[in-house]
Amino acid sequence: MPTSMPDIANQSAAQHEGELDWVGMSEIEVPIMIAAKDEHERAVSARVEAFVNLTQAKAKGIHMSRLYLLLDQLSTEGSLTKESLTQLLNDFIDSHEELSDKAFVKFTFDYHMRRRSLISGKQGWKAYPVTIIGYFAEGQITTEMQVDVPYSSTCPCSAALARQLIQQAFSEKFGEENALDAKEVRQWLGTTEGIVATPHSQRSIAEVKVKLADEVTGFPITDIVDTVEQALKTPVQAAVKREDEQEFARLNGQNLMFCEDAGRRLKHALNQIPGYLDFWIRVNHYESLHAHDAVSVSTKGIAGGYRAY
C-alpha cells in the first residue's frame, strides 16, 4: 500500500469560489435505538440526512466521512435522544472547524405502537411514520418532530344526501299519514331497502409537525398520536372484532368531517399544549368520491414561525 494518499478536499482549491448553504449526505441507512417519552428504548430502521454549510469560499469541500462516522458511532454506541441529537450537531460543527457554522440532521423511520381496539380490547401493531430534525445555527439548537397519523373521515355532505334518500324510501314504504307499527319499522330499518344509501368515507392522514420547547426532554411520539386520535375520534384500527367495527361505524357517523373540520380540531388541540412552540398541520382526505384529494393546511400562526408552504 502507498505510504500516503492524496487528500483532494484539503489540497485542492475550489473550481469556482463560493459559499454553500448545505453539503452532506441523504438516504443514509442506519439502525438506531430511539428513546421516546414514556416508552422503552427500541430499535428502528432509519434513513438519515446529515449536512453542514460551507463557509469557506475557496475550500474544495467538506469532510463527509466525518459526518458519517459520527452518525455511525451514535448508531452503534448510543441512542437517539434530545441530548444525543444536540451532541451530534455539535460534533458535526467541531469536526468541520473553520469550514462550517451550521449543521442539520434528519431521521425518518416507522415507529410501531400497540393499539387497543375500541370495544373488545384486542390489540395490534400500527406503524406511524416519524421524522426527527435537529438544526444548529448561531449557537442555538432547534428540535422538530413530525408524526403522520391515519384516521377515517366521513363526508358531511354525502351523509346528508344519504339521509334524504332514506327519508324518501321511508315515505314510499309507509306513506305520510299511516299509523306506524314500531316493530315493522324496526325490521325495515335493518334491511338493505331501509338503508338505501350510505355516506362515503375514506382513510385519511394527519401530518403533524411540532417545534419542541427546551423543557420537553423526550420525543413525544405517543403524545402526538394520542392527541390526534382523541381530537378526531376515528382512528384507523389494528385488530378488530365485529363489536369494534360497529363502534367504528358509530364514531364515523357521529364525527362527520370535511378536511377543514379535521384541521380545526387539530389546531385547537395542539394550541392547548405549551411544550410545542410552533406547529404545522396538513390534513389529507384521500377521497373515495373524487379522483383528487381534499387537503387543509394550518399553522400555529406565530411571527416568524412555520408557514403553510
C-alpha atoms as a PDB file:
ATOM      1  CA  MET A   1       0.000   0.000   0.000  1.00  0.00           C
ATOM      2  CA  PRO A   2       1.186   3.564  -0.629  1.00  0.00           C
ATOM      3  CA  THR A   3       2.629   5.352   2.414  1.00  0.00           C
ATOM      4  CA  SER A   4       0.485   8.421   1.718  1.00  0.00           C
ATOM      5  CA  MET A   5      -2.659   9.075  -0.253  1.00  0.00           C
ATOM      6  CA  PRO A   6      -3.893  12.297  -1.839  1.00  0.00           C
ATOM      7  CA  ASP A   7      -6.384  14.392   0.125  1.00  0.00           C
ATOM      8  CA  ILE A   8      -8.143  16.392  -2.562  1.00  0.00           C
ATOM      9  CA  ALA A   9     -10.523  18.127  -0.147  1.00  0.00           C
ATOM     10  CA  ASN A  10      -7.593  19.653   1.771  1.00  0.00           C
ATOM     11  CA  GLN A  11      -5.069  20.103  -1.032  1.00  0.00           C
ATOM     12  CA  SER A  12      -7.135  21.425  -3.935  1.00  0.00           C
ATOM     13  CA  ALA A  13      -8.833  24.758  -4.373  1.00  0.00           C
ATOM     14  CA  ALA A  14     -12.458  25.064  -5.390  1.00  0.00           C
ATOM     15  CA  GLN A  15     -13.093  25.109  -9.136  1.00  0.00           C
ATOM     16  CA  HIS A  16     -15.347  28.138  -8.593  1.00  0.00           C
ATOM     17  CA  GLU A  17     -15.287  30.112  -5.367  1.00  0.00           C
ATOM     18  CA  GLY A  18     -18.433  30.486  -3.316  1.00  0.00           C
ATOM     19  CA  GLU A  19     -20.147  29.578  -0.054  1.00  0.00           C
ATOM     20  CA  LEU A  20     -22.694  26.742   0.036  1.00  0.00           C
ATOM     21  CA  ASP A  21     -25.791  26.571   2.236  1.00  0.00           C
ATOM     22  CA  TRP A  22     -25.675  22.801   2.776  1.00  0.00           C
ATOM     23  CA  VAL A  23     -23.354  19.972   1.846  1.00  0.00           C
ATOM     24  CA  GLY A  24     -23.655  16.404   3.066  1.00  0.00           C
ATOM     25  CA  MET A  25     -25.463  13.125   2.546  1.00  0.00           C
ATOM     26  CA  SER A  26     -29.018  11.825   2.317  1.00  0.00           C
ATOM     27  CA  GLU A  27     -30.629   8.389   2.389  1.00  0.00           C
ATOM     28  CA  ILE A  28     -28.088   7.058   4.889  1.00  0.00           C
ATOM     29  CA  GLU A  29     -29.463   3.742   6.162  1.00  0.00           C
ATOM     30  CA  VAL A  30     -28.790   3.055   9.845  1.00  0.00           C
ATOM     31  CA  PRO A  31     -30.388   1.060  12.643  1.00  0.00           C
ATOM     32  CA  ILE A  32     -30.698   3.182  15.750  1.00  0.00           C
ATOM     33  CA  MET A  33     -32.181   2.997  19.225  1.00  0.00           C
ATOM     34  CA  ILE A  34     -34.880   5.610  19.765  1.00  0.00           C
ATOM     35  CA  ALA A  35     -35.749   6.876  23.229  1.00  0.00           C
ATOM     36  CA  ALA A  36     -39.299   8.258  23.081  1.00  0.00           C
ATOM     37  CA  LYS A  37     -41.064   9.889  26.017  1.00  0.00           C
ATOM     38  CA  ASP A  38     -42.536   7.351  28.489  1.00  0.00           C
ATOM     39  CA  GLU A  39     -41.531   4.409  26.262  1.00  0.00           C
ATOM     40  CA  HIS A  40     -38.805   1.785  26.479  1.00  0.00           C
ATOM     41  CA  GLU A  41     -35.939   2.296  24.053  1.00  0.00           C
ATOM     42  CA  ARG A  42     -36.379   0.346  20.844  1.00  0.00           C
ATOM     43  CA  ALA A  43     -34.516  -0.204  17.615  1.00  0.00           C
ATOM     44  CA  VAL A  44     -35.801   1.346  14.403  1.00  0.00           C
ATOM     45  CA  SER A  45     -34.509   1.317  10.851  1.00  0.00           C
ATOM     46  CA  ALA A  46     -33.862   4.941   9.963  1.00  0.00           C
ATOM     47  CA  ARG A  47     -32.948   6.918   6.889  1.00  0.00           C
ATOM     48  CA  VAL A  48     -30.840   9.950   7.687  1.00  0.00           C
ATOM     49  CA  GLU A  49     -29.823  13.227   6.105  1.00  0.00           C
ATOM     50  CA  ALA A  50     -26.681  14.895   7.508  1.00  0.00           C
ATOM     51  CA  PHE A  51     -25.452  18.323   6.389  1.00  0.00           C
ATOM     52  CA  VAL A  52     -23.182  21.212   7.304  1.00  0.00           C
ATOM     53  CA  ASN A  53     -22.781  24.501   5.491  1.00  0.00           C
ATOM     54  CA  LEU A  54     -19.557  25.506   3.739  1.00  0.00           C
ATOM     55  CA  THR A  55     -18.475  28.991   4.740  1.00  0.00           C
ATOM     56  CA  GLN A  56     -15.011  28.960   3.127  1.00  0.00           C
ATOM     57  CA  ALA A  57     -15.465  30.135  -0.439  1.00  0.00           C
ATOM     58  CA  LYS A  58     -12.116  28.678  -1.579  1.00  0.00           C
ATOM     59  CA  ALA A  59     -12.391  25.306   0.201  1.00  0.00           C
ATOM     60  CA  LYS A  60     -12.772  22.309  -2.091  1.00  0.00           C
ATOM     61  CA  GLY A  61     -15.376  20.599   0.087  1.00  0.00           C
ATOM     62  CA  ILE A  62     -16.384  19.261   3.487  1.00  0.00           C
ATOM     63  CA  HIS A  63     -15.340  16.005   5.187  1.00  0.00           C
ATOM     64  CA  MET A  64     -18.362  13.794   4.542  1.00  0.00           C
ATOM     65  CA  SER A  65     -16.762  10.729   6.127  1.00  0.00           C
ATOM     66  CA  ARG A  66     -16.573  12.588   9.439  1.00  0.00           C
ATOM     67  CA  LEU A  67     -20.335  13.151   9.417  1.00  0.00           C
ATOM     68  CA  TYR A  68     -20.942   9.531   8.542  1.00  0.00           C
ATOM     69  CA  LEU A  69     -18.630   8.175  11.255  1.00  0.00           C
ATOM     70  CA  LEU A  70     -20.202  10.369  13.932  1.00  0.00           C
ATOM     71  CA  LEU A  71     -23.629   9.105  12.893  1.00  0.00           C
ATOM     72  CA  ASP A  72     -22.351   5.530  12.885  1.00  0.00           C
ATOM     73  CA  GLN A  73     -20.962   5.993  16.385  1.00  0.00           C
ATOM     74  CA  LEU A  74     -24.385   7.129  17.611  1.00  0.00           C
ATOM     75  CA  SER A  75     -25.967   4.131  15.891  1.00  0.00           C
ATOM     76  CA  THR A  76     -23.625   1.547  17.407  1.00  0.00           C
ATOM     77  CA  GLU A  77     -22.843   3.031  20.816  1.00  0.00           C
ATOM     78  CA  GLY A  78     -25.785   5.208  21.851  1.00  0.00           C
ATOM     79  CA  SER A  79     -29.431   6.016  21.313  1.00  0.00           C
ATOM     80  CA  LEU A  80     -31.306   8.932  19.783  1.00  0.00           C
ATOM     81  CA  THR A  81     -32.428  11.356  22.479  1.00  0.00           C
ATOM     82  CA  LYS A  82     -32.743  15.127  22.576  1.00  0.00           C
ATOM     83  CA  GLU A  83     -29.413  15.207  24.402  1.00  0.00           C
ATOM     84  CA  SER A  84     -27.605  12.955  21.918  1.00  0.00           C
ATOM     85  CA  LEU A  85     -29.129  14.865  18.999  1.00  0.00           C
ATOM     86  CA  THR A  86     -27.664  18.086  20.409  1.00  0.00           C
ATOM     87  CA  GLN A  87     -24.275  16.417  20.886  1.00  0.00           C
ATOM     88  CA  LEU A  88     -24.336  15.056  17.324  1.00  0.00           C
ATOM     89  CA  LEU A  89     -24.921  18.511  15.868  1.00  0.00           C
ATOM     90  CA  ASN A  90     -22.148  19.995  17.995  1.00  0.00           C
ATOM     91  CA  ASP A  91     -19.818  17.219  16.856  1.00  0.00           C
ATOM     92  CA  PHE A  92     -20.687  17.962  13.224  1.00  0.00           C
ATOM     93  CA  ILE A  93     -19.542  21.544  13.762  1.00  0.00           C
ATOM     94  CA  ASP A  94     -16.424  20.590  15.766  1.00  0.00           C
ATOM     95  CA  SER A  95     -15.371  18.155  13.038  1.00  0.00           C
ATOM     96  CA  HIS A  96     -15.527  20.991  10.481  1.00  0.00           C
ATOM     97  CA  GLU A  97     -13.675  23.724  12.305  1.00  0.00           C
ATOM     98  CA  GLU A  98     -13.156  26.796  10.094  1.00  0.00           C
ATOM     99  CA  LEU A  99     -15.377  25.269   7.404  1.00  0.00           C
ATOM    100  CA  SER A 100     -18.879  25.249   8.903  1.00  0.00           C
ATOM    101  CA  ASP A 101     -21.007  27.053  11.480  1.00  0.00           C
ATOM    102  CA  LYS A 102     -24.363  25.404  10.804  1.00  0.00           C
ATOM    103  CA  ALA A 103     -25.467  21.768  10.973  1.00  0.00           C
ATOM    104  CA  PHE A 104     -28.601  19.805  10.131  1.00  0.00           C
ATOM    105  CA  VAL A 105     -29.668  16.203  10.662  1.00  0.00           C
ATOM    106  CA  LYS A 106     -32.957  14.430   9.913  1.00  0.00           C
ATOM    107  CA  PHE A 107     -34.024  10.934  10.980  1.00  0.00           C
ATOM    108  CA  THR A 108     -37.016   9.273   9.279  1.00  0.00           C
ATOM    109  CA  PHE A 109     -38.424   5.951  10.463  1.00  0.00           C
ATOM    110  CA  ASP A 110     -41.585   3.990  11.265  1.00  0.00           C
ATOM    111  CA  TYR A 111     -42.458   3.802  14.946  1.00  0.00           C
ATOM    112  CA  HIS A 112     -44.603   0.770  15.829  1.00  0.00           C
ATOM    113  CA  MET A 113     -47.117   1.079  18.652  1.00  0.00           C
ATOM    114  CA  ARG A 114     -49.512  -1.368  20.239  1.00  0.00           C
ATOM    115  CA  ARG A 115     -53.036  -0.001  19.903  1.00  0.00           C
ATOM    116  CA  ARG A 116     -56.157  -1.317  21.610  1.00  0.00           C
ATOM    117  CA  SER A 117     -59.429  -1.843  19.738  1.00  0.00           C
ATOM    118  CA  LEU A 118     -62.495   0.238  20.544  1.00  0.00           C
ATOM    119  CA  ILE A 119     -64.682  -2.295  22.403  1.00  0.00           C
ATOM    120  CA  SER A 120     -63.238  -5.818  22.506  1.00  0.00           C
ATOM    121  CA  GLY A 121     -59.857  -4.786  23.882  1.00  0.00           C
ATOM    122  CA  LYS A 122     -57.937  -6.702  21.219  1.00  0.00           C
ATOM    123  CA  GLN A 123     -54.518  -5.262  20.432  1.00  0.00           C
ATOM    124  CA  GLY A 124     -52.418  -4.988  17.303  1.00  0.00           C
ATOM    125  CA  TRP A 125     -49.448  -3.109  15.850  1.00  0.00           C
ATOM    126  CA  LYS A 126     -49.739   0.173  13.995  1.00  0.00           C
ATOM    127  CA  ALA A 127     -46.792   1.858  12.292  1.00  0.00           C
ATOM    128  CA  TYR A 128     -46.588   5.642  12.479  1.00  0.00           C
ATOM    129  CA  PRO A 129     -44.097   7.440  10.194  1.00  0.00           C
ATOM    130  CA  VAL A 130     -41.892   9.735  12.288  1.00  0.00           C
ATOM    131  CA  THR A 131     -39.372  12.407  11.335  1.00  0.00           C
ATOM    132  CA  ILE A 132     -36.989  13.997  13.857  1.00  0.00           C
ATOM    133  CA  ILE A 133     -34.975  17.033  12.822  1.00  0.00           C
ATOM    134  CA  GLY A 134     -32.140  18.828  14.582  1.00  0.00           C
ATOM    135  CA  TYR A 135     -30.752  22.161  13.376  1.00  0.00           C
ATOM    136  CA  PHE A 136     -27.783  24.144  14.736  1.00  0.00           C
ATOM    137  CA  ALA A 137     -27.324  27.796  13.821  1.00  0.00           C
ATOM    138  CA  GLU A 138     -25.958  30.857  15.631  1.00  0.00           C
ATOM    139  CA  GLY A 139     -25.257  28.778  18.718  1.00  0.00           C
ATOM    140  CA  GLN A 140     -28.863  27.604  19.051  1.00  0.00           C
ATOM    141  CA  ILE A 141     -30.356  24.113  18.668  1.00  0.00           C
ATOM    142  CA  THR A 142     -33.824  23.703  17.177  1.00  0.00           C
ATOM    143  CA  THR A 143     -35.583  20.348  17.517  1.00  0.00           C
ATOM    144  CA  GLU A 144     -38.593  19.427  15.391  1.00  0.00           C
ATOM    145  CA  MET A 145     -40.652  16.268  15.129  1.00  0.00           C
ATOM    146  CA  GLN A 146     -43.317  15.151  12.679  1.00  0.00           C
ATOM    147  CA  VAL A 147     -45.717  12.230  13.070  1.00  0.00           C
ATOM    148  CA  ASP A 148     -48.187  11.034  10.423  1.00  0.00           C
ATOM    149  CA  VAL A 149     -51.399   9.643  11.934  1.00  0.00           C
ATOM    150  CA  PRO A 150     -54.062   7.778   9.899  1.00  0.00           C
ATOM    151  CA  TYR A 151     -57.769   8.128  10.633  1.00  0.00           C
ATOM    152  CA  SER A 152     -61.132   7.775   8.913  1.00  0.00           C
ATOM    153  CA  SER A 153     -63.150  10.727   7.621  1.00  0.00           C
ATOM    154  CA  THR A 154     -66.804  10.589   6.622  1.00  0.00           C
ATOM    155  CA  CYS A 155     -68.165  13.340   4.383  1.00  0.00           C
ATOM    156  CA  PRO A 156     -70.916  15.504   5.996  1.00  0.00           C
ATOM    157  CA  CYS A 157     -72.378  16.352   2.589  1.00  0.00           C
ATOM    158  CA  SER A 158     -72.752  12.733   1.491  1.00  0.00           C
ATOM    159  CA  ALA A 159     -74.195  11.876   4.917  1.00  0.00           C
ATOM    160  CA  ALA A 160     -76.929  14.500   4.460  1.00  0.00           C
ATOM    161  CA  LEU A 161     -77.673  13.249   0.932  1.00  0.00           C
ATOM    162  CA  ALA A 162     -77.854   9.657   2.192  1.00  0.00           C
ATOM    163  CA  ARG A 163     -80.280  10.660   4.959  1.00  0.00           C
ATOM    164  CA  GLN A 164     -82.502  12.348   2.378  1.00  0.00           C
ATOM    165  CA  LEU A 165     -82.694   9.152   0.321  1.00  0.00           C
ATOM    166  CA  ILE A 166     -83.536   7.150   3.451  1.00  0.00           C
ATOM    167  CA  GLN A 167     -86.323   9.617   4.251  1.00  0.00           C
ATOM    168  CA  GLN A 168     -87.711   9.235   0.726  1.00  0.00           C
ATOM    169  CA  ALA A 169     -87.598   5.438   0.964  1.00  0.00           C
ATOM    170  CA  PHE A 170     -89.377   5.627   4.334  1.00  0.00           C
ATOM    171  CA  SER A 171     -92.167   7.769   2.867  1.00  0.00           C
ATOM    172  CA  GLU A 172     -92.574   5.396  -0.075  1.00  0.00           C
ATOM    173  CA  LYS A 173     -92.770   2.407   2.254  1.00  0.00           C
ATOM    174  CA  PHE A 174     -95.039   3.761   4.997  1.00  0.00           C
ATOM    175  CA  GLY A 175     -96.689   6.805   3.461  1.00  0.00           C
ATOM    176  CA  GLU A 176     -97.103  10.195   5.093  1.00  0.00           C
ATOM    177  CA  GLU A 177    -100.287   9.695   7.132  1.00  0.00           C
ATOM    178  CA  ASN A 178    -100.313   5.984   8.051  1.00  0.00           C
ATOM    179  CA  ALA A 179    -100.199   4.846  11.639  1.00  0.00           C
ATOM    180  CA  LEU A 180     -96.874   3.097  12.114  1.00  0.00           C
ATOM    181  CA  ASP A 181     -96.089  -0.250  13.646  1.00  0.00           C
ATOM    182  CA  ALA A 182     -92.836   0.185  15.571  1.00  0.00           C
ATOM    183  CA  LYS A 183     -91.813  -3.454  15.123  1.00  0.00           C
ATOM    184  CA  GLU A 184     -92.362  -3.297  11.363  1.00  0.00           C
ATOM    185  CA  VAL A 185     -90.375  -0.055  11.076  1.00  0.00           C
ATOM    186  CA  ARG A 186     -87.539  -1.505  13.133  1.00  0.00           C
ATOM    187  CA  GLN A 187     -87.362  -4.609  10.929  1.00  0.00           C
ATOM    188  CA  TRP A 188     -87.448  -2.478   7.783  1.00  0.00           C
ATOM    189  CA  LEU A 189     -84.577  -0.324   9.023  1.00  0.00           C
ATOM    190  CA  GLY A 190     -82.468  -3.473   9.321  1.00  0.00           C
ATOM    191  CA  THR A 191     -82.791  -4.256   5.600  1.00  0.00           C
ATOM    192  CA  THR A 192     -80.968  -3.022   2.525  1.00  0.00           C
ATOM    193  CA  GLU A 193     -84.206  -1.360   1.417  1.00  0.00           C
ATOM    194  CA  GLY A 194     -84.396   0.505   4.713  1.00  0.00           C
ATOM    195  CA  ILE A 195     -80.881   1.961   4.490  1.00  0.00           C
ATOM    196  CA  VAL A 196     -80.794   2.661   0.770  1.00  0.00           C
ATOM    197  CA  ALA A 197     -77.705   4.899   0.859  1.00  0.00           C
ATOM    198  CA  THR A 198     -74.597   5.370   2.947  1.00  0.00           C
ATOM    199  CA  PRO A 199     -72.197   8.309   3.079  1.00  0.00           C
ATOM    200  CA  HIS A 200     -68.711   7.930   1.646  1.00  0.00           C
ATOM    201  CA  SER A 201     -65.694   7.804   3.923  1.00  0.00           C
ATOM    202  CA  GLN A 202     -62.005   7.361   3.306  1.00  0.00           C
ATOM    203  CA  ARG A 203     -58.721   6.679   5.010  1.00  0.00           C
ATOM    204  CA  SER A 204     -57.079   9.990   5.818  1.00  0.00           C
ATOM    205  CA  ILE A 205     -53.701  11.151   7.111  1.00  0.00           C
ATOM    206  CA  ALA A 206     -52.888  13.972   9.508  1.00  0.00           C
ATOM    207  CA  GLU A 207     -49.278  15.169   9.167  1.00  0.00           C
ATOM    208  CA  VAL A 208     -48.378  16.995  12.373  1.00  0.00           C
ATOM    209  CA  LYS A 209     -45.036  18.789  12.811  1.00  0.00           C
ATOM    210  CA  VAL A 210     -44.098  20.467  16.093  1.00  0.00           C
ATOM    211  CA  LYS A 211     -41.170  22.532  17.312  1.00  0.00           C
ATOM    212  CA  LEU A 212     -40.200  21.283  20.760  1.00  0.00           C
ATOM    213  CA  ALA A 213     -39.507  23.587  23.684  1.00  0.00           C
ATOM    214  CA  ASP A 214     -36.327  23.063  25.701  1.00  0.00           C
ATOM    215  CA  GLU A 215     -38.299  21.701  28.651  1.00  0.00           C
ATOM    216  CA  VAL A 216     -39.609  18.824  26.521  1.00  0.00           C
ATOM    217  CA  THR A 217     -36.869  16.320  27.315  1.00  0.00           C
ATOM    218  CA  GLY A 218     -38.200  13.260  25.461  1.00  0.00           C
ATOM    219  CA  PHE A 219     -39.559  12.825  21.952  1.00  0.00           C
ATOM    220  CA  PRO A 220     -43.372  12.921  22.487  1.00  0.00           C
ATOM    221  CA  ILE A 221     -44.315  10.431  19.763  1.00  0.00           C
ATOM    222  CA  THR A 222     -47.100   8.741  21.732  1.00  0.00           C
ATOM    223  CA  ASP A 223     -48.371  12.109  22.979  1.00  0.00           C
ATOM    224  CA  ILE A 224     -48.853  13.403  19.436  1.00  0.00           C
ATOM    225  CA  VAL A 225     -50.531  10.201  18.259  1.00  0.00           C
ATOM    226  CA  ASP A 226     -52.907  10.246  21.237  1.00  0.00           C
ATOM    227  CA  THR A 227     -53.664  13.952  20.763  1.00  0.00           C
ATOM    228  CA  VAL A 228     -54.565  13.480  17.093  1.00  0.00           C
ATOM    229  CA  GLU A 229     -56.627  10.332  17.602  1.00  0.00           C
ATOM    230  CA  GLN A 230     -58.525  11.781  20.560  1.00  0.00           C
ATOM    231  CA  ALA A 231     -59.261  15.011  18.721  1.00  0.00           C
ATOM    232  CA  LEU A 232     -60.544  13.316  15.561  1.00  0.00           C
ATOM    233  CA  LYS A 233     -62.274  10.343  17.289  1.00  0.00           C
ATOM    234  CA  THR A 234     -61.971   7.962  14.315  1.00  0.00           C
ATOM    235  CA  PRO A 235     -58.526   6.297  14.490  1.00  0.00           C
ATOM    236  CA  VAL A 236     -57.721   3.575  11.979  1.00  0.00           C
ATOM    237  CA  GLN A 237     -57.868   0.233  13.794  1.00  0.00           C
ATOM    238  CA  ALA A 238     -55.496  -2.737  14.048  1.00  0.00           C
ATOM    239  CA  ALA A 239     -57.129  -5.921  15.427  1.00  0.00           C
ATOM    240  CA  VAL A 240     -60.935  -5.751  15.411  1.00  0.00           C
ATOM    241  CA  LYS A 241     -63.971  -7.894  16.201  1.00  0.00           C
ATOM    242  CA  ARG A 242     -67.491  -7.171  14.969  1.00  0.00           C
ATOM    243  CA  GLU A 243     -68.303  -5.050  18.014  1.00  0.00           C
ATOM    244  CA  ASP A 244     -65.242  -2.900  17.233  1.00  0.00           C
ATOM    245  CA  GLU A 245     -66.297  -2.462  13.625  1.00  0.00           C
ATOM    246  CA  GLN A 246     -69.775  -1.449  14.747  1.00  0.00           C
ATOM    247  CA  GLU A 247     -68.347   1.111  17.170  1.00  0.00           C
ATOM    248  CA  PHE A 248     -66.067   2.397  14.415  1.00  0.00           C
ATOM    249  CA  ALA A 249     -69.147   2.925  12.220  1.00  0.00           C
ATOM    250  CA  ARG A 250     -70.874   4.766  15.063  1.00  0.00           C
ATOM    251  CA  LEU A 251     -67.885   7.024  15.660  1.00  0.00           C
ATOM    252  CA  ASN A 252     -67.696   7.863  11.962  1.00  0.00           C
ATOM    253  CA  GLY A 253     -71.404   8.716  11.952  1.00  0.00           C
ATOM    254  CA  GLN A 254     -71.033  10.964  14.993  1.00  0.00           C
ATOM    255  CA  ASN A 255     -67.857  12.676  13.768  1.00  0.00           C
ATOM    256  CA  LEU A 256     -68.582  13.758  10.206  1.00  0.00           C
ATOM    257  CA  MET A 257     -65.650  15.795   8.921  1.00  0.00           C
ATOM    258  CA  PHE A 258     -64.596  17.848   5.971  1.00  0.00           C
ATOM    259  CA  CYS A 259     -60.845  18.380   5.836  1.00  0.00           C
ATOM    260  CA  GLU A 260     -61.500  21.865   7.243  1.00  0.00           C
ATOM    261  CA  ASP A 261     -63.208  20.361  10.293  1.00  0.00           C
ATOM    262  CA  ALA A 262     -60.323  17.972  10.939  1.00  0.00           C
ATOM    263  CA  GLY A 263     -57.748  20.746  10.574  1.00  0.00           C
ATOM    264  CA  ARG A 264     -59.583  22.987  13.051  1.00  0.00           C
ATOM    265  CA  ARG A 265     -59.977  20.178  15.587  1.00  0.00           C
ATOM    266  CA  LEU A 266     -56.245  19.502  15.472  1.00  0.00           C
ATOM    267  CA  LYS A 267     -55.287  23.174  15.642  1.00  0.00           C
ATOM    268  CA  HIS A 268     -57.428  23.622  18.750  1.00  0.00           C
ATOM    269  CA  ALA A 269     -55.951  20.510  20.400  1.00  0.00           C
ATOM    270  CA  LEU A 270     -52.316  21.468  19.701  1.00  0.00           C
ATOM    271  CA  ASN A 271     -52.853  25.016  20.940  1.00  0.00           C
ATOM    272  CA  GLN A 272     -53.526  23.554  24.394  1.00  0.00           C
ATOM    273  CA  ILE A 273     -50.011  22.050  24.669  1.00  0.00           C
ATOM    274  CA  PRO A 274     -47.387  24.535  25.961  1.00  0.00           C
ATOM    275  CA  GLY A 275     -44.392  22.336  25.081  1.00  0.00           C
ATOM    276  CA  TYR A 276     -44.974  22.860  21.347  1.00  0.00           C
ATOM    277  CA  LEU A 277     -43.509  26.247  20.466  1.00  0.00           C
ATOM    278  CA  ASP A 278     -44.922  26.038  16.950  1.00  0.00           C
ATOM    279  CA  PHE A 279     -46.826  23.543  14.847  1.00  0.00           C
ATOM    280  CA  TRP A 280     -47.727  22.787  11.242  1.00  0.00           C
ATOM    281  CA  ILE A 281     -50.687  20.579  10.284  1.00  0.00           C
ATOM    282  CA  ARG A 282     -51.565  19.094   6.917  1.00  0.00           C
ATOM    283  CA  VAL A 283     -54.785  17.087   6.695  1.00  0.00           C
ATOM    284  CA  ASN A 284     -55.143  14.781   3.676  1.00  0.00           C
ATOM    285  CA  HIS A 285     -58.507  13.185   2.867  1.00  0.00           C
ATOM    286  CA  TYR A 286     -57.896  10.568   0.169  1.00  0.00           C
ATOM    287  CA  GLU A 287     -61.294  10.877  -1.432  1.00  0.00           C
ATOM    288  CA  SER A 288     -63.383   7.861  -2.373  1.00  0.00           C
ATOM    289  CA  LEU A 289     -65.797  10.032  -4.411  1.00  0.00           C
ATOM    290  CA  HIS A 290     -63.240  12.133  -6.285  1.00  0.00           C
ATOM    291  CA  ALA A 291     -60.066  11.219  -8.109  1.00  0.00           C
ATOM    292  CA  HIS A 292     -58.300  14.017  -6.227  1.00  0.00           C
ATOM    293  CA  ASP A 293     -57.597  14.589  -2.527  1.00  0.00           C
ATOM    294  CA  ALA A 294     -59.084  17.152  -0.149  1.00  0.00           C
ATOM    295  CA  VAL A 295     -56.409  18.981   1.850  1.00  0.00           C
ATOM    296  CA  SER A 296     -56.214  21.604   4.574  1.00  0.00           C
ATOM    297  CA  VAL A 297     -53.021  23.165   5.951  1.00  0.00           C
ATOM    298  CA  SER A 298     -52.706  25.277   9.092  1.00  0.00           C
ATOM    299  CA  THR A 299     -50.026  26.576  11.454  1.00  0.00           C
ATOM    300  CA  LYS A 300     -49.905  27.993  14.980  1.00  0.00           C
ATOM    301  CA  GLY A 301     -49.583  31.414  13.395  1.00  0.00           C
ATOM    302  CA  ILE A 302     -46.710  32.907  15.380  1.00  0.00           C
ATOM    303  CA  ALA A 303     -44.477  35.651  13.996  1.00  0.00           C
ATOM    304  CA  GLY A 304     -41.526  34.144  12.121  1.00  0.00           C
ATOM    305  CA  GLY A 305     -42.918  30.633  12.619  1.00  0.00           C
ATOM    306  CA  TYR A 306     -43.962  27.875  10.274  1.00  0.00           C
ATOM    307  CA  ARG A 307     -45.595  28.863   7.009  1.00  0.00           C
ATOM    308  CA  ALA A 308     -48.278  26.832   5.278  1.00  0.00           C
ATOM    309  CA  TYR A 309     -45.974  26.339   2.261  1.00  0.00           C
END
